[in-house]
Amino acid sequence: MERKILIVEDEARLREVLCDYFASKGERPYEADNGLQALALMEETTFDAVLLDIMMPGLDGRAVCRAVRRTNDVPIIFLTALSDEEDKLLGYELGADDYVTKPFSMSVLYAKTMALIKRSRGGVLTGERMEAGGIVLERAARTVWAGRRKLDLTPKEYALLCCLMEHKNMVLSREQLLVRCWGYDYEGESRAVDTHIKRLREKLGDYAACIKTVIKAGYRLEG
């Protein structure tokens, strides 16, 4: 079974080589040449692993990692020319799972990536299964069920539902949901939450009534 690997690298030639190598191994590589593009892709697609360059113009790899870790536990490997111990320690503090210094062996990078994916799928987290009003969310498998129907949620929809279920019967404001689910400095309107909640309700179908709108306050999930 092919795995979805997001490769974020501003050097075009290296990005091409990485994509070709992972594709030759039967994986499905996606590419981004900057941090904002990477975050946009992660809002639409669930990845099995992210290979993330640190030194990129604009939003660098550290900022991307910090943003991703607020809502997503996908395995992240930093790709960088920085080799100082302090740089590596900072990467781990931000939530990176591994750190590969350029130049590197493609076969070693691939092995590290597959090992991290296997490890991330094998662990069982405390509170990994949450239930509310017929909705079941399983963190380890990253799946959501509404009754007997498995839902196909975008990463943002999944993050919103997860946040609401973690705070079941509590009111969360749009601003709180933006901070928890968007993760980085969002320059748009807080009404973006309303749009995603609407889409989430559509996918929940008969179970959408669990998500209550609290006028002038935000949203609450009742179980």
Protein backbone atom coordinates (compact mmCIF):
# COMPACT_ATOMS: atom_id res chain seq x y z
CA MET A 1 0.00 0.00 0.00
CA GLU A 2 1.42 3.37 -1.04
CA ARG A 3 1.94 6.00 1.61
CA LYS A 4 1.49 9.73 1.12
CA ILE A 5 4.74 11.61 1.74
CA LEU A 6 4.86 15.41 1.71
CA ILE A 7 8.26 16.70 0.59
CA VAL A 8 8.84 20.36 1.45
CA GLU A 9 12.06 21.64 -0.12
CA ASP A 10 12.79 24.95 -1.88
CA GLU A 11 15.71 23.54 -3.89
CA ALA A 12 13.98 22.28 -7.05
CA ARG A 13 16.56 19.68 -8.05
CA LEU A 14 16.72 18.04 -4.62
CA ARG A 15 12.92 18.07 -4.38
CA GLU A 16 12.70 16.33 -7.74
CA VAL A 17 15.24 13.68 -6.73
CA LEU A 18 13.40 13.00 -3.46
CA CYS A 19 10.04 12.70 -5.22
CA ASP A 20 11.48 10.34 -7.83
CA TYR A 21 13.15 8.15 -5.20
CA PHE A 22 10.05 7.77 -3.02
CA ALA A 23 7.89 7.15 -6.09
CA SER A 24 10.30 4.41 -7.18
CA LYS A 25 9.69 2.73 -3.81
CA GLY A 26 5.95 2.62 -4.42
CA GLU A 27 5.09 5.65 -2.30
CA ARG A 28 3.02 8.67 -3.36
CA PRO A 29 5.06 11.87 -2.99
CA TYR A 30 3.52 15.33 -2.84
CA GLU A 31 5.74 18.39 -3.18
CA ALA A 32 5.82 21.94 -1.86
CA ASP A 33 8.52 24.54 -2.40
CA ASN A 34 7.60 26.78 0.53
CA GLY A 35 6.03 26.66 3.97
CA LEU A 36 2.69 28.25 3.14
CA GLN A 37 2.14 25.82 0.29
CA ALA A 38 2.94 22.94 2.61
CA LEU A 39 0.40 24.08 5.21
CA ALA A 40 -2.24 24.53 2.49
CA LEU A 41 -1.66 20.97 1.27
CA MET A 42 -1.94 19.61 4.80
CA GLU A 43 -5.33 21.24 5.19
CA GLU A 44 -6.64 19.20 2.27
CA THR A 45 -4.74 15.91 2.53
CA THR A 46 -3.76 13.57 5.36
CA PHE A 47 -0.11 12.57 5.01
CA ASP A 48 1.76 9.59 6.45
CA ALA A 49 5.00 11.58 6.85
CA VAL A 50 6.51 14.99 6.11
CA LEU A 51 10.08 15.64 4.98
CA LEU A 52 10.67 19.28 5.87
CA ASP A 53 13.54 21.55 4.87
CA ILE A 54 14.40 24.11 7.56
CA MET A 55 16.05 26.90 5.58
CA MET A 56 13.30 28.22 3.32
CA PRO A 57 12.39 31.82 2.45
CA GLY A 58 9.27 33.24 4.04
CA LEU A 59 7.77 30.68 6.42
CA ASP A 60 10.70 28.43 7.33
CA GLY A 61 10.63 24.78 8.38
CA ARG A 62 10.62 25.55 12.09
CA ALA A 63 7.52 27.74 11.76
CA VAL A 64 5.81 25.06 9.67
CA CYS A 65 6.63 22.37 12.24
CA ARG A 66 5.34 24.55 15.08
CA ALA A 67 2.08 25.15 13.21
CA VAL A 68 1.58 21.50 12.29
CA ARG A 69 2.22 20.21 15.79
CA ARG A 70 -0.68 22.18 17.23
CA THR A 71 -3.17 20.00 15.39
CA ASN A 72 -1.35 17.07 13.79
CA ASP A 73 0.92 14.27 15.01
CA VAL A 74 2.17 13.24 11.55
CA PRO A 75 5.84 12.09 11.60
CA ILE A 76 8.16 14.96 10.62
CA ILE A 77 11.79 14.64 9.53
CA PHE A 78 13.83 17.83 9.23
CA LEU A 79 16.13 18.03 6.20
CA THR A 80 18.85 20.61 6.77
CA ALA A 81 22.43 21.69 6.29
CA LEU A 82 22.49 22.82 9.93
CA SER A 83 24.36 20.34 12.06
CA ASP A 84 24.94 22.16 15.38
CA GLU A 85 23.63 20.37 18.47
CA GLU A 86 21.57 23.42 19.47
CA ASP A 87 19.83 23.43 16.09
CA LYS A 88 18.96 19.76 16.46
CA LEU A 89 17.70 20.20 20.01
CA LEU A 90 15.50 23.09 18.90
CA GLY A 91 14.07 20.91 16.14
CA TYR A 92 13.14 18.19 18.60
CA GLU A 93 11.63 20.75 20.99
CA LEU A 94 9.40 21.98 18.16
CA GLY A 95 8.12 18.46 17.62
CA ALA A 96 10.32 17.00 14.88
CA ASP A 97 10.68 13.21 15.06
CA ASP A 98 14.06 13.00 13.36
CA TYR A 99 16.78 15.20 11.92
CA VAL A 100 18.74 14.38 8.74
CA THR A 101 21.73 16.50 7.78
CA LYS A 102 22.54 17.24 4.14
CA PRO A 103 24.06 15.56 2.22
CA PHE A 104 22.30 12.34 3.16
CA SER A 105 21.76 8.82 1.87
CA MET A 106 18.42 8.35 0.10
CA SER A 107 18.17 4.77 1.31
CA VAL A 108 18.79 5.80 4.93
CA LEU A 109 16.25 8.62 4.68
CA TYR A 110 13.68 6.22 3.24
CA ALA A 111 14.34 3.68 6.01
CA LYS A 112 13.98 6.36 8.70
CA THR A 113 10.72 7.56 7.14
CA MET A 114 9.20 4.08 6.98
CA ALA A 115 10.28 3.32 10.56
CA LEU A 116 8.62 6.50 11.84
CA ILE A 117 5.41 5.72 9.95
CA LYS A 118 5.34 2.20 11.39
CA ARG A 119 5.97 3.50 14.90
CA SER A 120 3.29 6.19 14.62
CA ARG A 121 0.70 3.62 13.55
CA GLY A 122 1.61 1.12 16.20
CA GLY A 123 1.32 3.29 19.30
CA VAL A 124 -1.83 3.58 21.41
CA LEU A 125 -2.36 6.91 23.08
CA THR A 126 -4.26 7.65 26.25
CA GLY A 127 -7.71 8.84 25.30
CA GLU A 128 -7.19 7.75 21.71
CA ARG A 129 -10.86 6.72 21.34
CA MET A 130 -13.51 9.33 21.95
CA GLU A 131 -17.27 8.93 21.63
CA ALA A 132 -20.11 11.42 21.68
CA GLY A 133 -23.68 11.05 20.48
CA GLY A 134 -22.95 8.18 18.12
CA ILE A 135 -19.75 9.75 16.76
CA VAL A 136 -16.54 7.78 17.33
CA LEU A 137 -13.07 9.26 16.77
CA GLU A 138 -10.03 6.95 16.90
CA ARG A 139 -6.74 8.83 17.10
CA ALA A 140 -4.36 5.96 16.33
CA ALA A 141 -6.13 5.06 13.08
CA ARG A 142 -7.13 8.71 12.53
CA THR A 143 -10.65 7.64 11.63
CA VAL A 144 -14.09 9.02 12.42
CA TRP A 145 -17.35 7.08 12.38
CA ALA A 146 -20.87 8.49 12.45
CA GLY A 147 -22.90 5.46 13.44
CA ARG A 148 -21.76 2.72 11.05
CA ARG A 149 -20.54 5.16 8.40
CA LYS A 150 -16.86 6.03 8.11
CA LEU A 151 -16.31 9.71 7.33
CA ASP A 152 -13.78 11.20 4.93
CA LEU A 153 -12.72 14.40 6.69
CA THR A 154 -10.12 16.95 5.68
CA PRO A 155 -7.34 17.54 8.24
CA LYS A 156 -9.02 20.81 9.32
CA GLU A 157 -12.42 19.15 9.78
CA TYR A 158 -10.77 16.34 11.73
CA ALA A 159 -8.93 18.85 13.95
CA LEU A 160 -12.14 20.78 14.68
CA LEU A 161 -14.08 17.63 15.57
CA CYS A 162 -11.23 16.35 17.71
CA CYS A 163 -11.04 19.65 19.59
CA LEU A 164 -14.79 19.74 20.17
CA MET A 165 -14.82 16.14 21.39
CA GLU A 166 -11.90 16.76 23.73
CA HIS A 167 -13.96 19.56 25.29
CA LYS A 168 -17.33 17.82 25.15
CA ASN A 169 -20.23 19.87 26.58
CA MET A 170 -18.00 22.96 26.80
CA VAL A 171 -18.46 26.08 24.68
CA LEU A 172 -15.46 26.97 22.53
CA SER A 173 -15.33 30.38 20.88
CA ARG A 174 -14.37 30.83 17.25
CA GLU A 175 -11.13 32.45 18.39
CA GLN A 176 -10.27 29.44 20.58
CA LEU A 177 -10.95 27.07 17.72
CA LEU A 178 -8.79 29.16 15.39
CA VAL A 179 -5.86 29.06 17.80
CA ARG A 180 -6.22 25.33 18.48
CA CYS A 181 -6.97 24.14 14.94
CA TRP A 182 -5.33 26.65 12.60
CA GLY A 183 -2.29 26.84 14.86
CA TYR A 184 -0.46 29.73 13.25
CA ASP A 185 -1.15 33.46 12.93
CA TYR A 186 -4.31 33.41 10.86
CA GLU A 187 -4.92 36.63 8.94
CA GLY A 188 -8.44 35.86 7.76
CA GLU A 189 -11.80 36.16 9.50
CA SER A 190 -12.84 33.99 12.41
CA ARG A 191 -15.91 33.16 10.31
CA ALA A 192 -13.66 30.65 8.54
CA VAL A 193 -14.55 28.40 11.48
CA ASP A 194 -18.22 28.65 10.51
CA THR A 195 -17.46 27.45 6.98
CA HIS A 196 -15.58 24.39 8.20
CA ILE A 197 -18.22 23.61 10.83
CA LYS A 198 -20.88 23.75 8.10
CA ARG A 199 -18.94 21.25 5.98
CA LEU A 200 -18.33 19.04 9.01
CA ARG A 201 -22.04 19.00 9.81
CA GLU A 202 -22.85 18.06 6.22
CA LYS A 203 -20.54 15.05 6.48
CA LEU A 204 -21.93 14.05 9.87
CA GLY A 205 -25.41 13.88 8.37
CA ASP A 206 -27.94 12.64 10.93
CA TYR A 207 -25.36 13.17 13.69
CA ALA A 208 -24.76 16.85 12.91
CA ALA A 209 -27.15 17.92 15.68
CA CYS A 210 -24.46 17.01 18.23
CA ILE A 211 -22.64 20.23 17.30
CA LYS A 212 -24.61 23.10 18.77
CA THR A 213 -24.23 26.76 17.83
CA VAL A 214 -24.18 28.97 20.92
CA ILE A 215 -25.27 32.44 19.82
CA LYS A 216 -22.55 35.09 20.23
CA ALA A 217 -20.33 32.54 21.97
CA GLY A 218 -19.17 29.74 19.66
CA TYR A 219 -19.80 26.00 19.41
CA ARG A 220 -20.41 23.11 21.78
CA LEU A 221 -20.44 19.35 21.09
CA GLU A 222 -23.01 17.47 23.16
CA GLY A 223 -22.75 13.77 23.80
